[in-house]
Amino acid sequence: MDLKSGYPYWAVKNGLMYAFPQVHADLNCDVAVVGAGITGALIADELAAHGHDVVVLDQRDVCWGSTSASTALLQYEIDTHAIDLARRYDQASALLAYQSSLSAISEIGAVAHAVGDVDFANCESLYYASNRADHPRLADEFAWRKQYGFPVRWLSRAALKDEYGLTAPAAILSSVAARVDPYRLASRLLRRMQRQGTRVFDRTQVNSITATAKSVKLVTDRGMSIRAKHTVIASGYESQRWLPQRVARNLSSYAYISDPVDPGELGWLANTMLWESARPYLYLRSTGDGRLLVGGEDDDRDIPARRHRSVDRKSARLHRKVSRLFPHIHARPAFAWAGTFAETCDGLPLFGTHPEHGPRILFALAYGGNGITYSMLGAGLLRAQIERRRHPLSALFSFARLNRH
């Protein structure tokens, strides 16, 4: 798949950080992880850190797929409101999804700090009502989160204007969120694993995956075989090629990043990400060197040629929206890009086995606006399943839930 268009900033900033070898011989391992983006890296790290012999494979250079185009807003706040999840499933499921995502932010922070030099920083998240019609739903969402002890504060129109200079009906301020350079985090994580003995390969395409009762055999494009006790398919939006039915809808999402903005202009945006209740939503966050990253304008045109042509027009539209919100901020696009984005019907990810493939092949589909947060949760979930332990998220994040509605 052609997963991105334009000039994703992380790839421009970091370049090709590390080169890994191709597979040139047959291999054996405990777990083969197919996909070396941020999802595959976090899962492989979790498994390797707990004694599993892991082989990581990617058909591209590592992290050169969707990870290089990710905007990496690290939030516990799911694109689907908690109150909507509760209506769709039940209160316990909604609470489990949100509380788990809240915990994942600190878990990602621990990984980022252990790896080092990945532009990780904790920040706040300001979620505002795009219009008056969205005000009641936002108020209900705030009441639910407050009831269950989430770190939130309600801002009225007056408070929002006074404290943030933002004109909107109301907002929810969450004190737990974070940012990171996703390409740098995944690359450095894979390099650290390699130094510690994990075998990492890129430019190696897996052509077939065959499971038996005791193992999984992967055959590469050069005819090499990898025999594993389990295989995790973590190749992002391309993972769906191994599934018999479509489980998510592919979209295109757009973003741009500015040159460094004067700190006086950036103000509170230096440590607070901003997003809105409209769907698709506009969002803004800063980087460690004071740039403003802006995203949104999602559409359902997952056709690479059309996406390529839309990048400049969409980035110009995003810039106009930012200028209307903050006339004093000069943050024109320096680099603009787009990427494939997938969402499930309920905004939750899919982790675990699929009845089509049996118990030894597991999927890691961290789809949605919380992809990296979901990947962190999926790492622990999949390790538990491989080790035949119970995990509280197994049912909620399973393929089986798709049959419930």
Protein backbone atom coordinates (compact mmCIF):
# COMPACT_ATOMS: atom_id res chain seq x y z
CA MET A 1 0.00 0.00 0.00
CA ASP A 2 1.00 3.59 -0.63
CA LEU A 3 0.41 4.85 2.91
CA LYS A 4 1.50 8.48 2.82
CA SER A 5 1.80 11.58 0.67
CA GLY A 6 3.80 14.80 0.81
CA TYR A 7 6.63 15.38 3.28
CA PRO A 8 6.01 13.78 6.70
CA TYR A 9 8.01 15.86 9.14
CA TRP A 10 9.48 13.02 11.20
CA ALA A 11 11.06 11.45 8.14
CA VAL A 12 12.45 14.82 7.01
CA LYS A 13 13.76 15.68 10.47
CA ASN A 14 15.31 12.32 11.34
CA GLY A 15 16.18 10.81 7.98
CA LEU A 16 16.81 7.09 7.82
CA MET A 17 18.03 6.58 11.37
CA TYR A 18 19.09 2.93 11.26
CA ALA A 19 19.50 0.26 8.61
CA PHE A 20 18.72 -3.35 9.49
CA PRO A 21 19.65 -6.46 7.50
CA GLN A 22 17.39 -8.49 5.26
CA VAL A 23 16.56 -12.10 6.03
CA HIS A 24 19.05 -14.32 4.20
CA ALA A 25 18.63 -17.60 6.07
CA ASP A 26 15.90 -19.71 7.64
CA LEU A 27 15.14 -18.73 11.24
CA ASN A 28 13.44 -20.08 14.35
CA CYS A 29 11.99 -18.01 17.19
CA ASP A 30 9.32 -17.85 19.85
CA VAL A 31 7.41 -14.94 18.28
CA ALA A 32 7.64 -13.39 14.82
CA VAL A 33 6.34 -9.82 14.70
CA VAL A 34 5.36 -8.74 11.19
CA GLY A 35 5.58 -4.95 11.05
CA ALA A 36 8.31 -2.67 12.39
CA GLY A 37 6.43 0.54 13.01
CA ILE A 38 5.52 1.91 16.42
CA THR A 39 2.96 -0.86 17.06
CA GLY A 40 5.33 -3.70 16.18
CA ALA A 41 8.17 -2.05 18.10
CA LEU A 42 6.18 -1.70 21.33
CA ILE A 43 4.86 -5.27 21.10
CA ALA A 44 8.27 -6.75 20.29
CA ASP A 45 9.85 -4.79 23.16
CA GLU A 46 7.25 -6.05 25.62
CA LEU A 47 7.78 -9.66 24.55
CA ALA A 48 11.58 -9.48 24.42
CA ALA A 49 11.74 -7.80 27.82
CA HIS A 50 9.90 -10.79 29.30
CA GLY A 51 12.11 -13.51 27.91
CA HIS A 52 10.61 -14.28 24.51
CA ASP A 53 12.93 -14.82 21.54
CA VAL A 54 11.53 -12.33 19.01
CA VAL A 55 12.14 -11.77 15.30
CA VAL A 56 10.83 -8.50 13.82
CA LEU A 57 10.20 -8.18 10.07
CA ASP A 58 9.17 -5.28 7.84
CA GLN A 59 8.82 -5.03 4.07
CA ARG A 60 10.04 -1.41 4.11
CA ASP A 61 12.80 0.29 6.00
CA VAL A 62 11.69 0.23 9.64
CA CYS A 63 9.14 2.86 10.64
CA TRP A 64 8.85 4.09 7.05
CA GLY A 65 5.13 3.31 6.74
CA SER A 66 2.35 4.96 8.72
CA THR A 67 4.59 5.63 11.73
CA SER A 68 6.52 8.28 9.80
CA ALA A 69 3.22 10.07 9.06
CA SER A 70 1.71 9.80 12.55
CA THR A 71 1.01 13.04 14.41
CA ALA A 72 1.33 11.24 17.76
CA LEU A 73 -1.27 12.85 19.99
CA LEU A 74 -1.03 10.68 23.09
CA GLN A 75 -4.40 10.82 24.83
CA TYR A 76 -6.58 8.62 26.98
CA GLU A 77 -9.53 10.35 25.34
CA ILE A 78 -10.95 8.07 22.66
CA ASP A 79 -12.51 9.44 19.47
CA THR A 80 -15.74 7.78 20.63
CA HIS A 81 -17.12 9.47 23.76
CA ALA A 82 -17.29 7.35 26.89
CA ILE A 83 -21.03 7.94 27.14
CA ASP A 84 -21.45 6.57 23.59
CA LEU A 85 -19.33 3.50 24.39
CA ALA A 86 -21.45 2.93 27.48
CA ARG A 87 -24.63 3.06 25.39
CA ARG A 88 -23.17 0.73 22.77
CA TYR A 89 -21.83 -1.81 25.27
CA ASP A 90 -22.14 -1.01 28.97
CA GLN A 91 -20.70 1.27 31.64
CA ALA A 92 -18.06 -1.26 32.66
CA SER A 93 -16.70 -1.51 29.11
CA ALA A 94 -16.55 2.25 28.67
CA LEU A 95 -14.81 2.65 32.01
CA LEU A 96 -12.32 -0.11 31.21
CA ALA A 97 -11.44 1.45 27.83
CA TYR A 98 -10.90 4.92 29.28
CA GLN A 99 -9.09 3.87 32.47
CA SER A 100 -6.77 1.57 30.50
CA SER A 101 -5.98 4.35 28.05
CA LEU A 102 -5.26 6.70 30.95
CA SER A 103 -2.74 4.24 32.37
CA ALA A 104 -1.16 3.76 28.94
CA ILE A 105 0.02 7.39 28.80
CA SER A 106 2.37 6.87 31.74
CA GLU A 107 3.45 3.49 30.32
CA ILE A 108 4.44 5.13 27.03
CA GLY A 109 6.26 7.79 29.02
CA ALA A 110 8.25 5.12 30.86
CA VAL A 111 9.29 3.51 27.54
CA ALA A 112 10.16 6.90 26.04
CA HIS A 113 12.30 7.90 29.02
CA ALA A 114 14.09 4.55 29.01
CA VAL A 115 14.93 4.93 25.31
CA GLY A 116 15.68 8.66 25.58
CA ASP A 117 15.86 11.54 23.10
CA VAL A 118 12.42 11.06 21.46
CA ASP A 119 10.83 14.48 22.17
CA PHE A 120 8.44 13.04 24.76
CA ALA A 121 6.69 15.48 27.05
CA ASN A 122 3.60 15.38 29.23
CA CYS A 123 1.00 18.01 28.49
CA GLU A 124 -2.69 18.85 28.90
CA SER A 125 -5.54 18.30 26.46
CA LEU A 126 -8.19 20.93 25.75
CA TYR A 127 -11.28 19.48 24.06
CA TYR A 128 -13.70 22.22 23.01
CA ALA A 129 -17.24 22.29 21.65
CA SER A 130 -17.13 23.32 18.00
CA ASN A 131 -20.63 24.79 18.17
CA ARG A 132 -23.54 25.32 20.54
CA ALA A 133 -25.24 22.12 19.43
CA ASP A 134 -22.32 20.07 20.77
CA HIS A 135 -22.39 21.76 24.19
CA PRO A 136 -24.91 19.38 25.86
CA ARG A 137 -23.05 16.25 24.74
CA LEU A 138 -19.77 17.68 25.93
CA ALA A 139 -21.36 18.50 29.30
CA ASP A 140 -22.67 14.93 29.59
CA GLU A 141 -19.23 13.57 28.70
CA PHE A 142 -17.61 15.77 31.35
CA ALA A 143 -20.11 14.63 33.98
CA TRP A 144 -19.37 10.98 33.21
CA ARG A 145 -15.61 11.47 33.44
CA LYS A 146 -15.90 13.50 36.63
CA GLN A 147 -18.15 10.85 38.19
CA TYR A 148 -15.52 8.18 37.60
CA GLY A 149 -12.58 10.22 38.82
CA PHE A 150 -10.86 11.25 35.61
CA PRO A 151 -8.55 14.30 35.86
CA VAL A 152 -10.83 16.81 34.13
CA ARG A 153 -12.02 20.37 34.58
CA TRP A 154 -14.97 22.12 32.95
CA LEU A 155 -14.40 25.47 31.24
CA SER A 156 -17.34 27.71 30.44
CA ARG A 157 -17.33 30.10 27.48
CA ALA A 158 -16.16 32.92 29.76
CA ALA A 159 -13.41 30.85 31.40
CA LEU A 160 -12.24 29.57 28.03
CA LYS A 161 -11.96 33.10 26.69
CA ASP A 162 -10.33 34.46 29.82
CA GLU A 163 -7.75 31.69 30.34
CA TYR A 164 -7.05 30.60 26.77
CA GLY A 165 -8.24 33.41 24.53
CA LEU A 166 -10.39 30.87 22.70
CA THR A 167 -13.94 31.60 21.57
CA ALA A 168 -16.05 28.46 21.94
CA PRO A 169 -19.16 27.42 23.91
CA ALA A 170 -17.26 25.27 26.46
CA ALA A 171 -14.40 22.79 26.84
CA ILE A 172 -13.08 19.86 28.86
CA LEU A 173 -9.53 20.29 30.11
CA SER A 174 -7.74 17.00 30.81
CA SER A 175 -4.48 17.13 32.73
CA VAL A 176 -3.16 13.85 31.29
CA ALA A 177 -1.84 13.78 27.72
CA ALA A 178 1.55 13.69 26.02
CA ARG A 179 3.45 14.11 22.79
CA VAL A 180 6.32 12.22 21.16
CA ASP A 181 8.26 11.86 17.94
CA PRO A 182 6.80 8.46 16.92
CA TYR A 183 9.33 7.69 14.20
CA ARG A 184 12.25 8.40 16.54
CA LEU A 185 10.72 6.42 19.40
CA ALA A 186 10.09 3.32 17.29
CA SER A 187 13.47 3.51 15.54
CA ARG A 188 15.47 3.90 18.75
CA LEU A 189 13.42 1.19 20.44
CA LEU A 190 14.14 -1.28 17.64
CA ARG A 191 17.83 -0.38 17.68
CA ARG A 192 17.98 -0.91 21.45
CA MET A 193 16.29 -4.30 21.06
CA GLN A 194 18.76 -5.28 18.37
CA ARG A 195 21.66 -4.43 20.67
CA GLN A 196 20.09 -6.60 23.36
CA GLY A 197 19.80 -9.60 21.05
CA THR A 198 16.45 -9.27 19.29
CA ARG A 199 16.71 -9.96 15.57
CA VAL A 200 15.30 -7.09 13.50
CA PHE A 201 15.04 -7.23 9.71
CA ASP A 202 13.74 -4.76 7.15
CA ARG A 203 13.20 -4.81 3.37
CA THR A 204 11.85 -8.34 3.86
CA GLN A 205 8.35 -9.09 2.62
CA VAL A 206 6.31 -11.92 4.08
CA ASN A 207 4.45 -13.65 1.26
CA SER A 208 2.70 -16.40 3.18
CA ILE A 209 1.78 -17.29 6.74
CA THR A 210 0.70 -20.84 7.56
CA ALA A 211 -0.30 -22.04 11.01
CA THR A 212 -0.25 -25.58 12.33
CA ALA A 213 -1.22 -26.91 15.74
CA LYS A 214 2.24 -26.19 17.17
CA SER A 215 3.83 -23.44 15.09
CA VAL A 216 3.56 -20.83 12.37
CA LYS A 217 5.62 -20.84 9.18
CA LEU A 218 6.33 -17.55 7.39
CA VAL A 219 7.86 -17.54 3.92
CA THR A 220 9.57 -14.40 2.62
CA ASP A 221 9.77 -13.02 -0.89
CA ARG A 222 13.26 -14.57 -1.19
CA GLY A 223 12.05 -18.00 -0.16
CA MET A 224 13.41 -17.96 3.39
CA SER A 225 11.36 -19.54 6.15
CA ILE A 226 10.78 -18.27 9.68
CA ARG A 227 9.34 -20.85 12.06
CA ALA A 228 7.70 -19.34 15.15
CA LYS A 229 5.58 -20.59 18.01
CA HIS A 230 3.38 -17.51 17.55
CA THR A 231 3.14 -14.73 15.00
CA VAL A 232 1.87 -11.20 15.60
CA ILE A 233 0.67 -9.32 12.53
CA ALA A 234 1.32 -5.66 13.32
CA SER A 235 1.64 -4.22 9.84
CA GLY A 236 -0.87 -1.42 10.39
CA TYR A 237 -3.46 -0.80 7.73
CA GLU A 238 -1.88 -3.46 5.51
CA SER A 239 -2.74 -6.12 8.11
CA GLN A 240 -6.22 -6.39 6.65
CA ARG A 241 -4.84 -8.35 3.70
CA TRP A 242 -4.64 -11.35 6.04
CA LEU A 243 -8.29 -11.09 7.12
CA PRO A 244 -11.30 -12.57 5.32
CA GLN A 245 -13.55 -9.56 6.01
CA ARG A 246 -13.08 -5.82 6.26
CA VAL A 247 -12.96 -4.78 9.90
CA ALA A 248 -12.23 -1.06 9.52
CA ARG A 249 -12.80 1.83 7.15
CA ASN A 250 -9.74 3.40 5.55
CA LEU A 251 -9.61 7.19 5.37
CA SER A 252 -7.04 9.83 4.51
CA SER A 253 -5.92 12.33 7.14
CA TYR A 254 -3.90 15.51 6.56
CA ALA A 255 -1.37 17.47 8.60
CA TYR A 256 1.22 20.19 8.44
CA ILE A 257 3.93 21.51 10.71
CA SER A 258 5.19 25.07 10.95
CA ASP A 259 8.64 26.51 11.40
CA PRO A 260 9.43 27.28 15.07
CA VAL A 261 6.93 29.78 16.45
CA ASP A 262 7.89 32.65 18.73
CA PRO A 263 7.25 31.48 22.33
CA GLY A 264 5.22 34.61 23.02
CA GLU A 265 2.87 33.71 20.18
CA LEU A 266 2.71 30.00 20.98
CA GLY A 267 1.77 30.69 24.61
CA TRP A 268 -0.23 27.93 26.27
CA LEU A 269 -0.12 25.78 23.13
CA ALA A 270 3.46 24.94 24.13
CA ASN A 271 2.12 22.54 26.76
CA THR A 272 -1.54 21.97 25.81
CA MET A 273 -2.88 20.11 22.79
CA LEU A 274 -6.16 21.34 21.35
CA TRP A 275 -8.93 19.46 19.56
CA GLU A 276 -12.60 19.94 18.85
CA SER A 277 -15.91 18.08 19.00
CA ALA A 278 -16.68 18.28 15.26
CA ARG A 279 -15.99 15.16 13.20
CA PRO A 280 -13.58 15.11 11.50
CA TYR A 281 -11.85 17.32 14.03
CA LEU A 282 -9.15 19.95 13.87
CA TYR A 283 -6.27 19.41 16.29
CA LEU A 284 -3.09 21.25 17.23
CA ARG A 285 -0.06 20.37 19.29
CA SER A 286 3.47 21.66 19.69
CA THR A 287 6.87 20.00 19.38
CA GLY A 288 9.90 20.32 21.62
CA ASP A 289 11.46 22.92 19.35
CA GLY A 290 8.35 25.10 19.36
CA ARG A 291 6.76 24.14 16.07
CA LEU A 292 3.00 23.89 15.72
CA LEU A 293 1.64 20.64 14.30
CA VAL A 294 -1.88 20.90 12.86
CA GLY A 295 -4.04 18.06 11.59
CA GLY A 296 -7.50 17.12 10.42
CA GLU A 297 -9.51 17.47 7.21
CA ASP A 298 -10.00 13.68 7.06
CA ASP A 299 -11.82 12.34 4.02
CA ASP A 300 -12.81 8.93 2.72
CA ARG A 301 -10.67 9.17 -0.43
CA ASP A 302 -8.15 6.46 0.31
CA ILE A 303 -6.81 6.63 -3.23
CA PRO A 304 -3.11 7.57 -3.26
CA ALA A 305 -3.20 9.71 -6.42
CA ARG A 306 -6.14 11.78 -5.11
CA ARG A 307 -4.54 12.04 -1.67
CA HIS A 308 -1.28 13.28 -3.21
CA ARG A 309 -3.15 16.02 -5.08
CA SER A 310 -5.05 17.10 -1.97
CA VAL A 311 -2.12 17.73 0.40
CA ASP A 312 -1.46 21.39 -0.48
CA ARG A 313 -5.14 22.30 -0.64
CA LYS A 314 -5.93 20.61 2.67
CA SER A 315 -2.92 22.10 4.46
CA ALA A 316 -3.98 25.56 3.26
CA ARG A 317 -7.46 24.95 4.65
CA LEU A 318 -6.02 23.81 7.98
CA HIS A 319 -3.88 26.94 8.13
CA ARG A 320 -6.93 29.16 7.53
CA LYS A 321 -8.74 27.46 10.40
CA VAL A 322 -5.80 28.04 12.74
CA SER A 323 -5.58 31.69 11.65
CA ARG A 324 -9.25 32.19 12.47
CA LEU A 325 -8.81 30.64 15.91
CA PHE A 326 -5.53 32.41 16.69
CA PRO A 327 -4.98 35.50 14.50
CA HIS A 328 -1.84 36.42 16.47
CA ILE A 329 -0.01 33.14 15.72
CA HIS A 330 2.10 33.02 12.57
CA ALA A 331 2.34 29.32 11.81
CA ARG A 332 2.31 28.76 8.07
CA PRO A 333 2.94 25.23 6.75
CA ALA A 334 6.63 24.35 6.42
CA PHE A 335 6.02 20.66 5.67
CA ALA A 336 2.66 19.10 4.79
CA TRP A 337 1.64 15.50 4.40
CA ALA A 338 -1.19 12.99 4.46
CA GLY A 339 -1.53 9.38 5.41
CA THR A 340 -3.88 6.43 5.44
CA PHE A 341 -5.97 6.31 8.59
CA ALA A 342 -8.39 3.55 9.63
CA GLU A 343 -11.24 3.53 12.08
CA THR A 344 -13.43 0.77 13.42
CA CYS A 345 -17.17 1.10 13.89
CA ASP A 346 -16.79 1.88 17.61
CA GLY A 347 -13.39 3.61 17.75
CA LEU A 348 -11.77 0.71 19.61
CA PRO A 349 -8.80 -1.36 18.37
CA LEU A 350 -8.63 -5.05 17.55
CA PHE A 351 -6.05 -7.24 19.29
CA GLY A 352 -5.87 -11.00 19.46
CA THR A 353 -6.66 -14.11 17.49
CA HIS A 354 -9.11 -14.43 14.63
CA PRO A 355 -11.20 -17.60 14.10
CA GLU A 356 -9.96 -17.83 10.52
CA HIS A 357 -6.33 -18.34 11.62
CA GLY A 358 -6.41 -20.22 14.91
CA PRO A 359 -4.66 -19.51 18.23
CA ARG A 360 -1.06 -19.07 17.05
CA ILE A 361 -1.59 -16.03 14.80
CA LEU A 362 -2.48 -12.81 16.60
CA PHE A 363 -3.40 -9.44 15.15
CA ALA A 364 -2.49 -5.97 16.39
CA LEU A 365 -4.81 -3.47 14.73
CA ALA A 366 -4.32 -0.23 16.66
CA TYR A 367 -6.83 1.66 14.54
CA GLY A 368 -8.24 5.06 15.47
CA GLY A 369 -6.99 8.41 16.67
CA ASN A 370 -5.40 6.75 19.72
CA GLY A 371 -3.15 4.42 17.75
CA ILE A 372 -0.01 4.67 19.88
CA THR A 373 -1.99 4.51 23.13
CA TYR A 374 -3.75 1.41 21.83
CA SER A 375 -0.42 -0.11 20.75
CA MET A 376 0.90 0.24 24.28
CA LEU A 377 -2.17 -1.53 25.66
CA GLY A 378 -1.99 -4.17 22.95
CA ALA A 379 1.59 -5.04 23.86
CA GLY A 380 0.57 -6.24 27.30
CA LEU A 381 -2.62 -7.84 26.05
CA LEU A 382 -0.89 -9.92 23.37
CA ARG A 383 1.87 -10.99 25.73
CA ALA A 384 -0.76 -12.24 28.14
CA GLN A 385 -2.49 -14.22 25.39
CA ILE A 386 0.78 -15.74 24.17
CA GLU A 387 1.59 -16.71 27.76
CA ARG A 388 -1.95 -18.08 28.19
CA ARG A 389 -2.90 -15.61 30.90
CA ARG A 390 -6.12 -13.70 31.31
CA HIS A 391 -6.15 -10.01 30.44
CA PRO A 392 -8.98 -7.59 31.27
CA LEU A 393 -9.04 -6.08 27.75
CA SER A 394 -9.07 -9.35 25.80
CA ALA A 395 -12.83 -9.43 25.24
CA LEU A 396 -13.35 -5.72 24.64
CA PHE A 397 -10.55 -5.49 22.06
CA SER A 398 -11.34 -8.82 20.38
CA PHE A 399 -12.77 -9.57 16.95
CA ALA A 400 -15.70 -11.26 18.69
CA ARG A 401 -17.16 -7.91 19.73
CA LEU A 402 -17.79 -7.06 16.06
CA ASN A 403 -20.55 -9.66 16.10
CA ARG A 404 -22.29 -8.06 19.07
CA HIS A 405 -23.66 -5.14 17.06
